[in-house]
Protein backbone atom coordinates (compact mmCIF):
# COMPACT_ATOMS: atom_id res chain seq x y z
CA MET A 1 9.95 -7.67 -44.42
CA GLY A 2 7.75 -5.33 -46.42
CA TRP A 3 8.83 -2.46 -48.61
CA LEU A 4 8.41 -0.02 -45.71
CA ASP A 5 10.74 -2.09 -43.52
CA TRP A 6 13.36 -2.12 -46.27
CA LEU A 7 12.98 1.62 -46.76
CA LEU A 8 13.46 2.27 -43.05
CA LEU A 9 16.52 0.03 -43.03
CA VAL A 10 18.09 1.89 -45.96
CA ALA A 11 17.28 5.21 -44.30
CA ARG A 12 18.87 4.02 -41.04
CA VAL A 13 22.05 2.96 -42.87
CA ALA A 14 22.24 6.31 -44.67
CA VAL A 15 21.69 8.28 -41.45
CA VAL A 16 24.38 6.32 -39.60
CA PHE A 17 26.80 6.73 -42.52
CA PHE A 18 26.44 10.51 -42.70
CA ALA A 19 26.35 10.83 -38.90
CA LEU A 20 29.70 9.01 -38.71
CA LEU A 21 31.17 11.33 -41.34
CA ILE A 22 30.01 14.40 -39.40
CA LEU A 23 31.27 12.90 -36.14
CA VAL A 24 34.69 12.26 -37.69
CA MET A 25 34.81 15.90 -38.84
CA LEU A 26 34.05 17.06 -35.32
CA VAL A 27 36.57 14.64 -33.77
CA ILE A 28 39.38 15.89 -36.03
CA TRP A 29 38.50 19.50 -35.16
CA MET A 30 38.28 18.56 -31.47
CA GLU A 31 41.71 16.92 -31.58
CA ARG A 32 43.34 19.93 -33.19
CA LYS A 33 41.73 22.37 -30.75
CA VAL A 34 42.43 20.28 -27.62
CA ILE A 35 46.08 19.72 -28.51
CA ALA A 36 46.43 23.40 -29.37
CA ASP A 37 44.97 24.30 -25.98
CA MET A 38 47.36 21.93 -24.20
CA GLN A 39 50.26 23.55 -26.09
CA THR A 40 49.03 27.13 -25.44
CA ARG A 41 48.01 27.74 -29.05
CA LEU A 42 44.75 28.75 -30.73
CA GLY A 43 44.51 25.96 -33.27
CA PRO A 44 42.32 26.33 -36.40
CA MET A 45 40.26 29.55 -36.32
CA ARG A 46 39.50 30.40 -39.97
CA ALA A 47 36.86 28.07 -41.45
CA GLY A 48 33.54 28.42 -39.63
CA PRO A 49 33.00 29.57 -36.05
CA ARG A 50 36.21 28.84 -34.11
CA GLY A 51 37.45 26.78 -37.07
CA VAL A 52 34.81 24.05 -36.73
CA LEU A 53 34.60 23.61 -40.52
CA ILE A 54 38.36 23.21 -40.99
CA THR A 55 38.01 19.46 -41.63
CA LEU A 56 35.41 20.08 -44.32
CA ALA A 57 37.73 22.63 -45.94
CA ASP A 58 40.63 20.16 -45.86
CA GLY A 59 38.43 17.44 -47.36
CA ILE A 60 37.30 19.69 -50.21
CA LYS A 61 40.91 20.68 -50.86
CA LEU A 62 42.05 17.04 -50.99
CA PHE A 63 39.09 16.06 -53.19
CA PHE A 64 40.05 18.56 -55.89
CA LYS A 65 43.80 18.11 -55.49
CA GLU A 66 45.60 16.32 -58.31
CA GLY A 67 46.27 12.66 -57.52
CA ILE A 68 49.80 11.58 -58.39
CA THR A 69 50.32 7.88 -59.17
CA PRO A 70 53.93 6.62 -59.21
CA THR A 71 55.01 4.57 -62.21
CA LEU A 72 56.02 1.44 -60.26
CA VAL A 73 52.72 0.87 -58.45
CA ASP A 74 50.53 -2.20 -58.85
CA ARG A 75 47.59 -0.10 -60.00
CA PRO A 76 44.53 -2.27 -59.11
CA VAL A 77 45.81 -3.03 -55.60
CA TYR A 78 47.03 0.56 -55.18
CA LEU A 79 43.54 1.89 -55.89
CA VAL A 80 41.56 -0.62 -53.83
CA ALA A 81 43.64 -0.25 -50.64
CA PRO A 82 42.12 3.14 -49.60
CA VAL A 83 38.62 1.72 -50.02
CA ILE A 84 39.47 -1.25 -47.78
CA ALA A 85 40.82 1.22 -45.21
CA MET A 86 37.38 2.84 -44.88
CA LEU A 87 34.96 -0.08 -45.05
CA PRO A 88 35.82 -2.07 -41.88
CA ALA A 89 35.07 0.85 -39.54
CA PHE A 90 31.66 1.42 -41.13
CA LEU A 91 30.84 -2.28 -41.09
CA ALA A 92 31.95 -2.75 -37.47
CA PHE A 93 29.64 0.06 -36.37
CA ALA A 94 26.66 -1.82 -37.83
CA VAL A 95 26.25 -4.02 -34.73
CA ILE A 96 26.67 -1.29 -32.11
CA PRO A 97 23.44 -0.16 -30.38
CA PHE A 98 23.55 3.61 -29.88
CA GLY A 99 20.07 4.18 -28.42
CA THR A 100 16.73 2.68 -27.54
CA GLY A 101 15.00 3.46 -30.84
CA LEU A 102 11.67 5.07 -31.74
CA VAL A 103 8.43 4.29 -33.55
CA LEU A 104 7.91 5.54 -37.14
CA PHE A 105 4.88 4.76 -39.33
CA GLY A 106 3.78 2.09 -36.87
CA ARG A 107 7.17 0.34 -37.08
CA GLU A 108 9.69 0.11 -34.24
CA VAL A 109 13.00 1.48 -35.53
CA PRO A 110 15.94 0.38 -33.33
CA PHE A 111 19.03 2.57 -33.10
CA GLN A 112 21.16 -0.27 -34.40
CA ILE A 113 21.61 -1.43 -37.97
CA ALA A 114 21.91 -5.19 -37.27
CA ASP A 115 21.59 -7.00 -33.95
CA LEU A 116 23.69 -10.05 -34.81
CA SER A 117 23.89 -12.99 -32.43
CA ILE A 118 27.67 -12.99 -33.00
CA GLY A 119 28.14 -9.24 -32.71
CA ILE A 120 31.48 -9.47 -30.86
CA LEU A 121 32.92 -11.85 -33.46
CA TRP A 122 31.78 -9.48 -36.23
CA ILE A 123 33.66 -6.59 -34.62
CA LEU A 124 36.83 -8.68 -34.23
CA ALA A 125 36.59 -9.77 -37.87
CA MET A 126 36.15 -6.20 -39.13
CA SER A 127 39.04 -4.91 -37.02
CA SER A 128 41.29 -7.53 -38.61
CA LEU A 129 40.52 -6.28 -42.12
CA MET A 130 42.33 -2.98 -41.55
CA VAL A 131 45.62 -4.87 -41.68
CA TYR A 132 44.93 -5.83 -45.29
CA ALA A 133 44.47 -2.21 -46.35
CA ILE A 134 47.80 -1.19 -44.83
CA VAL A 135 49.74 -4.18 -46.17
CA LEU A 136 48.28 -3.83 -49.66
CA ALA A 137 48.96 -0.08 -49.71
CA GLY A 138 52.59 -0.54 -48.67
CA TRP A 139 53.27 -3.45 -51.01
CA SER A 140 51.58 -1.93 -54.07
CA SER A 141 53.30 1.47 -53.82
CA GLY A 142 56.57 0.15 -55.23
CA SER A 143 58.65 2.08 -52.70
CA ASN A 144 60.79 1.09 -49.72
CA TYR A 145 59.32 3.41 -47.08
CA PRO A 146 55.68 2.36 -47.57
CA LEU A 147 56.73 -1.30 -47.57
CA LEU A 148 58.62 -0.91 -44.29
CA GLY A 149 55.68 0.96 -42.79
CA SER A 150 53.22 -1.74 -43.82
CA VAL A 151 55.43 -4.52 -42.41
CA ARG A 152 55.72 -2.64 -39.12
CA SER A 153 52.00 -2.02 -39.01
CA SER A 154 51.03 -5.62 -39.75
CA ALA A 155 53.28 -6.91 -36.97
CA GLN A 156 52.01 -4.28 -34.55
CA MET A 157 48.31 -4.72 -35.29
CA ILE A 158 48.41 -8.51 -35.24
CA SER A 159 50.28 -8.41 -31.91
CA TYR A 160 47.88 -6.02 -30.20
CA GLU A 161 44.80 -7.72 -31.66
CA VAL A 162 45.55 -10.62 -29.34
CA GLY A 163 45.46 -8.40 -26.26
CA MET A 164 42.29 -6.69 -27.48
CA ALA A 165 40.60 -10.04 -28.09
CA LEU A 166 41.53 -11.23 -24.59
CA ALA A 167 40.00 -8.10 -23.05
CA ILE A 168 36.80 -8.63 -25.04
CA VAL A 169 36.72 -12.35 -24.15
CA ALA A 170 36.73 -11.44 -20.45
CA VAL A 171 33.65 -9.24 -20.95
CA VAL A 172 31.92 -11.96 -22.98
CA MET A 173 32.53 -14.50 -20.21
CA TYR A 174 31.26 -12.07 -17.58
CA SER A 175 28.14 -11.10 -19.60
CA ASP A 176 27.51 -14.62 -20.97
CA THR A 177 26.48 -13.39 -24.43
CA LEU A 178 27.93 -12.35 -27.79
CA ARG A 179 25.04 -10.06 -28.74
CA MET A 180 25.85 -6.38 -28.28
CA SER A 181 22.32 -5.39 -27.24
CA GLU A 182 22.28 -8.06 -24.53
CA ILE A 183 25.65 -6.88 -23.20
CA VAL A 184 24.17 -3.39 -22.82
CA ALA A 185 21.08 -4.89 -21.16
CA SER A 186 23.26 -6.80 -18.67
CA GLN A 187 24.69 -3.48 -17.43
CA ASP A 188 21.37 -2.18 -16.08
CA ARG A 189 22.62 -2.23 -12.46
CA ILE A 190 26.39 -1.82 -12.73
CA TRP A 191 28.60 -1.03 -15.72
CA ASN A 192 31.22 -3.57 -16.70
CA VAL A 193 33.98 -1.01 -16.23
CA PHE A 194 33.89 -1.65 -12.46
CA PRO A 195 34.15 -5.47 -12.31
CA GLN A 196 36.16 -5.58 -15.56
CA PHE A 197 38.43 -2.55 -15.12
CA PRO A 198 41.72 -4.34 -16.05
CA ALA A 199 40.12 -5.57 -19.28
CA PHE A 200 38.94 -2.00 -19.97
CA VAL A 201 42.48 -0.62 -19.58
CA ILE A 202 43.95 -3.37 -21.79
CA TYR A 203 41.34 -2.67 -24.48
CA LEU A 204 42.03 1.07 -24.48
CA ILE A 205 45.78 0.52 -24.82
CA CYS A 206 45.31 -2.00 -27.62
CA GLY A 207 42.86 0.38 -29.27
CA LEU A 208 45.62 3.00 -29.49
CA ALA A 209 47.89 0.47 -31.21
CA GLU A 210 45.14 -0.80 -33.53
CA THR A 211 44.36 2.71 -34.78
CA ASN A 212 48.05 3.64 -35.13
CA ARG A 213 47.66 6.55 -32.74
CA PRO A 214 50.49 7.97 -30.60
CA PRO A 215 52.43 6.65 -28.78
CA PHE A 216 51.94 3.60 -31.06
CA ASP A 217 52.20 5.42 -34.40
CA LEU A 218 55.37 3.63 -35.52
CA PRO A 219 53.87 2.66 -38.94
CA GLU A 220 53.63 6.39 -39.74
CA ALA A 221 56.83 7.54 -38.04
CA GLU A 222 57.70 10.61 -40.10
CA THR A 223 61.23 10.80 -38.67
CA GLU A 224 62.01 7.32 -39.99
CA LEU A 225 59.53 6.39 -42.76
CA VAL A 226 58.45 9.79 -44.20
CA ALA A 227 54.74 8.98 -43.77
CA GLY A 228 54.70 5.19 -43.61
CA TYR A 229 52.41 3.06 -45.71
CA HIS A 230 50.58 6.00 -47.36
CA THR A 231 53.71 7.89 -48.46
CA GLU A 232 52.88 7.48 -52.17
CA TYR A 233 49.22 8.48 -51.81
CA SER A 234 47.84 11.95 -52.46
CA GLY A 235 44.57 13.72 -53.09
CA ILE A 236 41.33 11.90 -52.36
CA LYS A 237 43.10 8.54 -51.87
CA PHE A 238 45.13 9.97 -48.98
CA ALA A 239 41.93 11.51 -47.58
CA MET A 240 40.33 8.05 -47.54
CA PHE A 241 43.20 6.68 -45.42
CA TYR A 242 42.90 9.70 -43.13
CA LEU A 243 39.14 9.21 -42.83
CA GLY A 244 39.53 5.47 -42.21
CA GLU A 245 41.97 6.03 -39.36
CA TYR A 246 39.64 8.42 -37.52
CA LEU A 247 36.63 6.22 -38.27
CA ASN A 248 38.47 3.36 -36.60
CA THR A 249 39.16 5.59 -33.60
CA VAL A 250 35.46 6.42 -33.26
CA THR A 251 34.51 2.75 -33.68
CA VAL A 252 37.02 1.64 -31.03
CA ALA A 253 35.57 4.23 -28.64
CA ALA A 254 32.01 3.10 -29.47
CA VAL A 255 32.87 -0.55 -28.77
CA ALA A 256 34.46 0.41 -25.44
CA THR A 257 31.35 2.41 -24.57
CA THR A 258 29.09 -0.54 -25.39
CA LEU A 259 31.09 -3.23 -23.60
CA TRP A 260 32.26 -1.37 -20.49
CA LEU A 261 30.44 1.95 -20.02
CA GLY A 262 26.85 0.78 -20.23
CA GLY A 263 26.31 1.78 -23.85
CA TRP A 264 23.46 4.28 -24.15
CA ARG A 265 22.39 3.89 -20.50
CA GLY A 266 22.16 6.95 -18.28
CA PRO A 267 19.66 9.06 -16.34
CA ALA A 268 17.08 10.70 -18.59
CA PRO A 269 13.82 12.65 -18.18
CA ASP A 270 10.57 11.54 -19.76
CA VAL A 271 10.70 14.33 -22.35
CA VAL A 272 11.75 13.01 -25.79
CA PRO A 273 12.76 9.61 -24.35
CA TRP A 274 14.62 8.41 -27.48
CA LEU A 275 17.00 11.40 -27.52
CA TRP A 276 18.68 11.09 -24.12
CA PRO A 277 20.15 7.59 -24.62
CA LEU A 278 21.61 8.81 -27.92
CA LEU A 279 23.19 11.81 -26.18
CA TRP A 280 24.59 9.62 -23.39
CA PHE A 281 26.17 7.30 -25.94
CA LEU A 282 27.69 10.23 -27.83
CA ALA A 283 29.04 11.78 -24.62
CA LYS A 284 30.74 8.54 -23.57
CA VAL A 285 32.30 8.07 -27.02
CA LEU A 286 33.65 11.62 -26.99
CA LEU A 287 35.02 11.08 -23.47
CA ILE A 288 37.11 8.13 -24.66
CA VAL A 289 38.21 10.06 -27.76
CA TYR A 290 39.27 12.92 -25.48
CA ALA A 291 41.35 10.48 -23.44
CA TYR A 292 43.05 9.32 -26.66
CA ILE A 293 43.77 12.94 -27.61
CA TRP A 294 45.18 13.56 -24.13
CA VAL A 295 47.51 10.58 -24.53
CA ARG A 296 48.68 11.90 -27.90
CA ALA A 297 49.51 15.30 -26.41
CA THR A 298 51.31 13.78 -23.42
CA LEU A 299 53.31 10.66 -24.29
CA PRO A 300 56.25 10.40 -26.72
CA ARG A 301 56.47 7.72 -29.37
CA PHE A 302 57.62 4.24 -28.33
CA ARG A 303 60.75 2.65 -29.66
CA TYR A 304 59.67 -0.24 -31.88
CA ASP A 305 61.31 -3.05 -29.91
CA ARG A 306 59.77 -1.74 -26.70
CA LEU A 307 56.38 -1.47 -28.39
CA MET A 308 56.45 -5.13 -29.39
CA ALA A 309 57.83 -6.24 -26.03
CA PHE A 310 55.09 -4.32 -24.22
CA GLY A 311 52.43 -6.09 -26.25
CA TRP A 312 53.77 -9.63 -25.98
CA LYS A 313 55.43 -9.55 -22.54
CA ARG A 314 53.02 -7.31 -20.65
CA LEU A 315 49.54 -6.96 -22.14
CA ILE A 316 49.02 -10.53 -23.37
CA PRO A 317 50.13 -12.25 -20.10
CA ILE A 318 48.01 -9.81 -18.07
CA GLY A 319 45.08 -10.42 -20.42
CA LEU A 320 45.42 -14.19 -20.11
CA GLY A 321 45.60 -13.93 -16.33
CA TRP A 322 42.51 -11.74 -16.24
CA VAL A 323 40.57 -14.15 -18.47
CA MET A 324 41.42 -16.99 -16.06
CA PHE A 325 40.42 -14.83 -13.10
CA THR A 326 37.12 -13.91 -14.78
CA GLY A 327 36.45 -17.59 -15.47
CA ALA A 328 37.02 -18.35 -11.81
CA ILE A 329 34.64 -15.58 -10.74
CA VAL A 330 31.94 -16.86 -13.11
CA VAL A 331 32.27 -20.62 -12.51
CA LEU A 332 33.47 -21.18 -8.93
CA PRO A 333 30.50 -19.58 -7.10
CA GLU A 334 28.18 -21.94 -8.98
CA GLU A 335 30.31 -24.96 -8.07
CA PHE A 336 31.21 -24.27 -4.41
CA GLY A 337 28.70 -21.66 -3.30
CA ARG A 338 29.00 -17.89 -3.08
CA ASP A 339 30.02 -17.72 0.61
CA ALA A 340 32.82 -20.26 0.26
CA PHE A 341 34.12 -18.50 -2.85
CA LEU A 342 34.13 -15.06 -1.19
CA THR A 343 35.98 -16.47 1.83
CA ALA A 344 38.62 -18.15 -0.34
CA PHE A 345 38.95 -15.03 -2.47
CA ALA A 346 39.46 -12.79 0.59
CA ILE A 347 42.11 -15.15 1.99
CA GLY A 348 43.92 -15.38 -1.36
CA ALA A 349 43.84 -11.60 -1.85
CA GLY A 350 45.22 -11.09 1.66
CA VAL A 351 48.08 -13.52 1.02
CA VAL A 352 48.97 -11.83 -2.27
CA ILE A 353 48.97 -8.35 -0.69
CA ALA A 354 51.10 -9.58 2.21
CA ILE A 355 53.65 -11.10 -0.20
CA MET A 356 53.76 -7.87 -2.18
CA LEU A 357 54.46 -5.86 0.96
CA ILE A 358 57.06 -8.23 2.44
CA TRP A 359 58.91 -9.17 -0.76
CA PRO A 360 60.84 -5.88 -1.20
CA LEU A 361 62.12 -6.19 2.38
CA VAL A 362 63.51 -9.71 2.08
CA ALA A 363 64.52 -9.86 -1.59
CA ARG A 364 68.26 -9.74 -2.21
CA ARG A 365 69.64 -7.01 -4.41
CA ARG A 366 71.51 -8.08 -7.53
CA PRO A 367 75.31 -7.72 -7.44
CA GLU A 368 75.36 -5.05 -10.19
CA GLU A 369 72.83 -2.98 -8.22
CA VAL A 370 74.98 -3.20 -5.09
CA SER A 371 78.16 -2.22 -6.97
CA THR A 372 76.58 0.84 -8.61
CA SER A 373 74.81 2.11 -5.48
């Protein structure tokens, strides 16, 4: 690589960094306005046109606000935890292709920072690092509420990481590659959301839990833990946790767009050909973020035991079953032929549907149900 290639790489990193910051500002404003609309309110209206600069105003306020450090904190760990909360989301976005690219100064500039051959594994590794930020913040604060919030969060995130990994494994098996650009290329005829819809739903649910968003926001339950793991943080350090959480939300939506919704693919005219894939990618990401906001405005918070039971007793078994089913779809047609596989699949699906229809008619009711009816 020459000096021009390095310069273009640095410029690409800087553009993606600032674009993510601006996107997070818009997502926070969008969330506040959408929830306000669903609750018949106006939402922020003061800073900028229709309050669009409210996030920037809040950030400036937090930047200049006095930071209060409790006396019992472990100072080095206490200070490094907010930084760790931000970095994984930025690093995970490095392998996500968000367009086709363009040509500058005779060099082809891809709309992707790094096209790693193990892109999926990189994303899983970066998503696991967020747990460290939360645990370190809760432990180093020297207070009971942050410690309880961090313990809750570590258990929750580790539990739902398993379901998320199973959903991603199903897509990897179906696409037969770990490279993100090749997964997008494999969706040239049909998006993975159609053949892999159960994995898509599992991923979206686990994404809510991984980003601590409602109804999975037990680590920040203000009715029980004040504010959870960041109770003792203020000023710019609290803003870094806030920014990291929304960055993770955007990254989760971007990964879902890449793996299931065709990435940057979509109909586009020949005018400015590099712009339309970028707009399609942005529209799909905002669609998933809107769905997350809709869930926040609709569903109440889970009870913690039900949250853990839902992850271990529902999502993980369904994810394992879908991985096995995907393996059968991928391998069996090659072994026994496509026609024989389709015939066996149709017969098996018919038997399962028949059992589901007949079972409620022949199943015996439990004695307690009979006595209370």
